Amino acid sequence: MASQQALLIIDYTNDFVADNGALTCGQPGQVLAPAITTLADNCRQAGD
């Protein structure tokens, strides 16, 4: 049986990232979006 990995993306939501979010961290969180998307795409393509 092949092993699988999981990628957990926790609390990367509008409230924490959007400029008008209730608890926003703003730009520092927004610059992570491309890296998070790439990681998620890679995991999905690998069947994880």
PDB file of N, CA and C in Angstrom:
ATOM      1  N   MET A   1       0.844  -1.181   0.000  1.00  0.00           N
ATOM      2  CA  MET A   1       0.000   0.000   0.000  1.00  0.00           C
ATOM      3  C   MET A   1       0.890   1.245   0.000  1.00  0.00           C
ATOM      4  N   ALA A   2       0.614   2.163  -0.894  1.00  0.00           N
ATOM      5  CA  ALA A   2       1.389   3.399  -0.991  1.00  0.00           C
ATOM      6  C   ALA A   2       1.008   4.353   0.137  1.00  0.00           C
ATOM      7  N   SER A   3       1.993   5.071   0.626  1.00  0.00           N
ATOM      8  CA  SER A   3       1.690   6.055   1.667  1.00  0.00           C
ATOM      9  C   SER A   3       1.281   7.372   1.025  1.00  0.00           C
ATOM     10  N   GLN A   4       0.483   8.102   1.722  1.00  0.00           N
ATOM     11  CA  GLN A   4       0.051   9.412   1.252  1.00  0.00           C
ATOM     12  C   GLN A   4       0.443  10.460   2.268  1.00  0.00           C
ATOM     13  N   GLN A   5       0.561  11.689   1.791  1.00  0.00           N
ATOM     14  CA  GLN A   5       0.856  12.820   2.654  1.00  0.00           C
ATOM     15  C   GLN A   5      -0.340  13.759   2.634  1.00  0.00           C
ATOM     16  N   ALA A   6      -0.394  14.616   3.615  1.00  0.00           N
ATOM     17  CA  ALA A   6      -1.464  15.604   3.684  1.00  0.00           C
ATOM     18  C   ALA A   6      -0.856  16.988   3.836  1.00  0.00           C
ATOM     19  N   LEU A   7      -1.483  17.952   3.235  1.00  0.00           N
ATOM     20  CA  LEU A   7      -1.099  19.351   3.396  1.00  0.00           C
ATOM     21  C   LEU A   7      -2.242  20.039   4.128  1.00  0.00           C
ATOM     22  N   LEU A   8      -1.955  20.596   5.279  1.00  0.00           N
ATOM     23  CA  LEU A   8      -2.962  21.323   6.038  1.00  0.00           C
ATOM     24  C   LEU A   8      -2.735  22.819   5.851  1.00  0.00           C
ATOM     25  N   ILE A   9      -3.748  23.483   5.363  1.00  0.00           N
ATOM     26  CA  ILE A   9      -3.709  24.932   5.217  1.00  0.00           C
ATOM     27  C   ILE A   9      -4.683  25.476   6.253  1.00  0.00           C
ATOM     28  N   ILE A  10      -4.142  26.052   7.293  1.00  0.00           N
ATOM     29  CA  ILE A  10      -4.962  26.433   8.444  1.00  0.00           C
ATOM     30  C   ILE A  10      -5.155  27.948   8.512  1.00  0.00           C
ATOM     31  N   ASP A  11      -6.400  28.354   8.542  1.00  0.00           N
ATOM     32  CA  ASP A  11      -6.798  29.747   8.735  1.00  0.00           C
ATOM     33  C   ASP A  11      -6.233  30.726   7.719  1.00  0.00           C
ATOM     34  N   TYR A  12      -6.069  30.277   6.489  1.00  0.00           N
ATOM     35  CA  TYR A  12      -5.702  31.213   5.430  1.00  0.00           C
ATOM     36  C   TYR A  12      -7.009  31.691   4.799  1.00  0.00           C
ATOM     37  N   THR A  13      -7.734  32.489   5.551  1.00  0.00           N
ATOM     38  CA  THR A  13      -9.060  32.954   5.136  1.00  0.00           C
ATOM     39  C   THR A  13      -9.103  34.479   5.090  1.00  0.00           C
ATOM     40  N   ASN A  14     -10.184  34.989   4.557  1.00  0.00           N
ATOM     41  CA  ASN A  14     -10.345  36.436   4.410  1.00  0.00           C
ATOM     42  C   ASN A  14     -10.138  37.195   5.710  1.00  0.00           C
ATOM     43  N   ASP A  15     -10.666  36.685   6.820  1.00  0.00           N
ATOM     44  CA  ASP A  15     -10.530  37.413   8.078  1.00  0.00           C
ATOM     45  C   ASP A  15      -9.078  37.626   8.479  1.00  0.00           C
ATOM     46  N   PHE A  16      -8.207  36.717   8.082  1.00  0.00           N
ATOM     47  CA  PHE A  16      -6.807  36.820   8.478  1.00  0.00           C
ATOM     48  C   PHE A  16      -5.899  37.391   7.387  1.00  0.00           C
ATOM     49  N   VAL A  17      -6.352  37.413   6.141  1.00  0.00           N
ATOM     50  CA  VAL A  17      -5.473  37.775   5.033  1.00  0.00           C
ATOM     51  C   VAL A  17      -5.949  39.003   4.249  1.00  0.00           C
ATOM     52  N   ALA A  18      -7.233  39.125   4.026  1.00  0.00           N
ATOM     53  CA  ALA A  18      -7.754  40.238   3.215  1.00  0.00           C
ATOM     54  C   ALA A  18      -7.462  41.584   3.878  1.00  0.00           C
ATOM     55  N   ASP A  19      -7.271  42.604   3.060  1.00  0.00           N
ATOM     56  CA  ASP A  19      -7.009  43.943   3.602  1.00  0.00           C
ATOM     57  C   ASP A  19      -8.083  44.402   4.575  1.00  0.00           C
ATOM     58  N   ASN A  20      -9.328  44.026   4.317  1.00  0.00           N
ATOM     59  CA  ASN A  20     -10.434  44.442   5.176  1.00  0.00           C
ATOM     60  C   ASN A  20     -10.869  43.335   6.145  1.00  0.00           C
ATOM     61  N   GLY A  21     -10.030  42.340   6.354  1.00  0.00           N
ATOM     62  CA  GLY A  21     -10.368  41.246   7.259  1.00  0.00           C
ATOM     63  C   GLY A  21     -10.415  41.701   8.708  1.00  0.00           C
ATOM     64  N   ALA A  22     -11.211  41.020   9.509  1.00  0.00           N
ATOM     65  CA  ALA A  22     -11.396  41.388  10.911  1.00  0.00           C
ATOM     66  C   ALA A  22     -10.099  41.283  11.716  1.00  0.00           C
ATOM     67  N   LEU A  23      -9.263  40.310  11.412  1.00  0.00           N
ATOM     68  CA  LEU A  23      -8.009  40.091  12.140  1.00  0.00           C
ATOM     69  C   LEU A  23      -6.836  40.002  11.170  1.00  0.00           C
ATOM     70  N   THR A  24      -6.838  40.862  10.175  1.00  0.00           N
ATOM     71  CA  THR A  24      -5.896  40.732   9.071  1.00  0.00           C
ATOM     72  C   THR A  24      -4.433  40.929   9.466  1.00  0.00           C
ATOM     73  N   CYS A  25      -3.584  40.165   8.832  1.00  0.00           N
ATOM     74  CA  CYS A  25      -2.136  40.405   8.927  1.00  0.00           C
ATOM     75  C   CYS A  25      -1.677  41.125   7.667  1.00  0.00           C
ATOM     76  N   GLY A  26      -2.581  41.288   6.707  1.00  0.00           N
ATOM     77  CA  GLY A  26      -2.330  42.078   5.506  1.00  0.00           C
ATOM     78  C   GLY A  26      -1.303  41.498   4.556  1.00  0.00           C
ATOM     79  N   GLN A  27      -0.441  42.347   4.051  1.00  0.00           N
ATOM     80  CA  GLN A  27       0.523  41.991   3.020  1.00  0.00           C
ATOM     81  C   GLN A  27       1.397  40.783   3.374  1.00  0.00           C
ATOM     82  N   PRO A  28       1.915  40.649   4.590  1.00  0.00           N
ATOM     83  CA  PRO A  28       2.746  39.472   4.882  1.00  0.00           C
ATOM     84  C   PRO A  28       2.011  38.147   4.620  1.00  0.00           C
ATOM     85  N   GLY A  29       0.741  38.098   4.901  1.00  0.00           N
ATOM     86  CA  GLY A  29      -0.033  36.896   4.627  1.00  0.00           C
ATOM     87  C   GLY A  29      -0.389  36.758   3.153  1.00  0.00           C
ATOM     88  N   GLN A  30      -0.630  37.871   2.492  1.00  0.00           N
ATOM     89  CA  GLN A  30      -1.019  37.852   1.086  1.00  0.00           C
ATOM     90  C   GLN A  30       0.105  37.369   0.178  1.00  0.00           C
ATOM     91  N   VAL A  31       1.355  37.655   0.525  1.00  0.00           N
ATOM     92  CA  VAL A  31       2.460  37.227  -0.333  1.00  0.00           C
ATOM     93  C   VAL A  31       2.656  35.717  -0.300  1.00  0.00           C
ATOM     94  N   LEU A  32       2.029  35.034   0.660  1.00  0.00           N
ATOM     95  CA  LEU A  32       2.130  33.575   0.754  1.00  0.00           C
ATOM     96  C   LEU A  32       1.205  32.849  -0.221  1.00  0.00           C
ATOM     97  N   ALA A  33       0.228  33.550  -0.781  1.00  0.00           N
ATOM     98  CA  ALA A  33      -0.788  32.910  -1.621  1.00  0.00           C
ATOM     99  C   ALA A  33      -0.207  32.072  -2.758  1.00  0.00           C
ATOM    100  N   PRO A  34       0.741  32.567  -3.557  1.00  0.00           N
ATOM    101  CA  PRO A  34       1.267  31.736  -4.649  1.00  0.00           C
ATOM    102  C   PRO A  34       1.946  30.451  -4.150  1.00  0.00           C
ATOM    103  N   ALA A  35       2.691  30.541  -3.078  1.00  0.00           N
ATOM    104  CA  ALA A  35       3.372  29.351  -2.542  1.00  0.00           C
ATOM    105  C   ALA A  35       2.361  28.335  -2.013  1.00  0.00           C
ATOM    106  N   ILE A  36       1.326  28.810  -1.336  1.00  0.00           N
ATOM    107  CA  ILE A  36       0.298  27.908  -0.818  1.00  0.00           C
ATOM    108  C   ILE A  36      -0.437  27.238  -1.970  1.00  0.00           C
ATOM    109  N   THR A  37      -0.755  27.993  -3.007  1.00  0.00           N
ATOM    110  CA  THR A  37      -1.441  27.436  -4.169  1.00  0.00           C
ATOM    111  C   THR A  37      -0.591  26.370  -4.847  1.00  0.00           C
ATOM    112  N   THR A  38       0.691  26.653  -5.001  1.00  0.00           N
ATOM    113  CA  THR A  38       1.601  25.680  -5.621  1.00  0.00           C
ATOM    114  C   THR A  38       1.687  24.403  -4.788  1.00  0.00           C
ATOM    115  N   LEU A  39       1.841  24.538  -3.492  1.00  0.00           N
ATOM    116  CA  LEU A  39       1.890  23.359  -2.623  1.00  0.00           C
ATOM    117  C   LEU A  39       0.607  22.535  -2.724  1.00  0.00           C
ATOM    118  N   ALA A  40      -0.529  23.210  -2.699  1.00  0.00           N
ATOM    119  CA  ALA A  40      -1.813  22.513  -2.794  1.00  0.00           C
ATOM    120  C   ALA A  40      -1.958  21.805  -4.138  1.00  0.00           C
ATOM    121  N   ASP A  41      -1.579  22.472  -5.210  1.00  0.00           N
ATOM    122  CA  ASP A  41      -1.655  21.860  -6.541  1.00  0.00           C
ATOM    123  C   ASP A  41      -0.741  20.640  -6.642  1.00  0.00           C
ATOM    124  N   ASN A  42       0.468  20.762  -6.126  1.00  0.00           N
ATOM    125  CA  ASN A  42       1.407  19.637  -6.153  1.00  0.00           C
ATOM    126  C   ASN A  42       0.887  18.444  -5.362  1.00  0.00           C
ATOM    127  N   CYS A  43       0.314  18.693  -4.206  1.00  0.00           N
ATOM    128  CA  CYS A  43      -0.254  17.600  -3.402  1.00  0.00           C
ATOM    129  C   CYS A  43      -1.417  16.935  -4.134  1.00  0.00           C
ATOM    130  N   ARG A  44      -2.272  17.747  -4.717  1.00  0.00           N
ATOM    131  CA  ARG A  44      -3.424  17.198  -5.441  1.00  0.00           C
ATOM    132  C   ARG A  44      -2.960  16.345  -6.625  1.00  0.00           C
ATOM    133  N   GLN A  45      -1.986  16.837  -7.383  1.00  0.00           N
ATOM    134  CA  GLN A  45      -1.487  16.104  -8.549  1.00  0.00           C
ATOM    135  C   GLN A  45      -0.801  14.809  -8.153  1.00  0.00           C
ATOM    136  N   ALA A  46      -0.211  14.781  -6.955  1.00  0.00           N
ATOM    137  CA  ALA A  46       0.457  13.567  -6.473  1.00  0.00           C
ATOM    138  C   ALA A  46      -0.532  12.568  -5.867  1.00  0.00           C
ATOM    139  N   GLY A  47      -1.796  12.983  -5.765  1.00  0.00           N
ATOM    140  CA  GLY A  47      -2.799  12.095  -5.202  1.00  0.00           C
ATOM    141  C   GLY A  47      -2.813  12.102  -3.680  1.00  0.00           C
ATOM    142  N   ASP A  48      -2.169  13.087  -3.106  1.00  0.00           N
ATOM    143  CA  ASP A  48      -2.142  13.194  -1.628  1.00  0.00           C
ATOM    144  C   ASP A  48      -3.300  14.002  -1.122  1.00  0.00           C
TER     145      ASP A  48
END
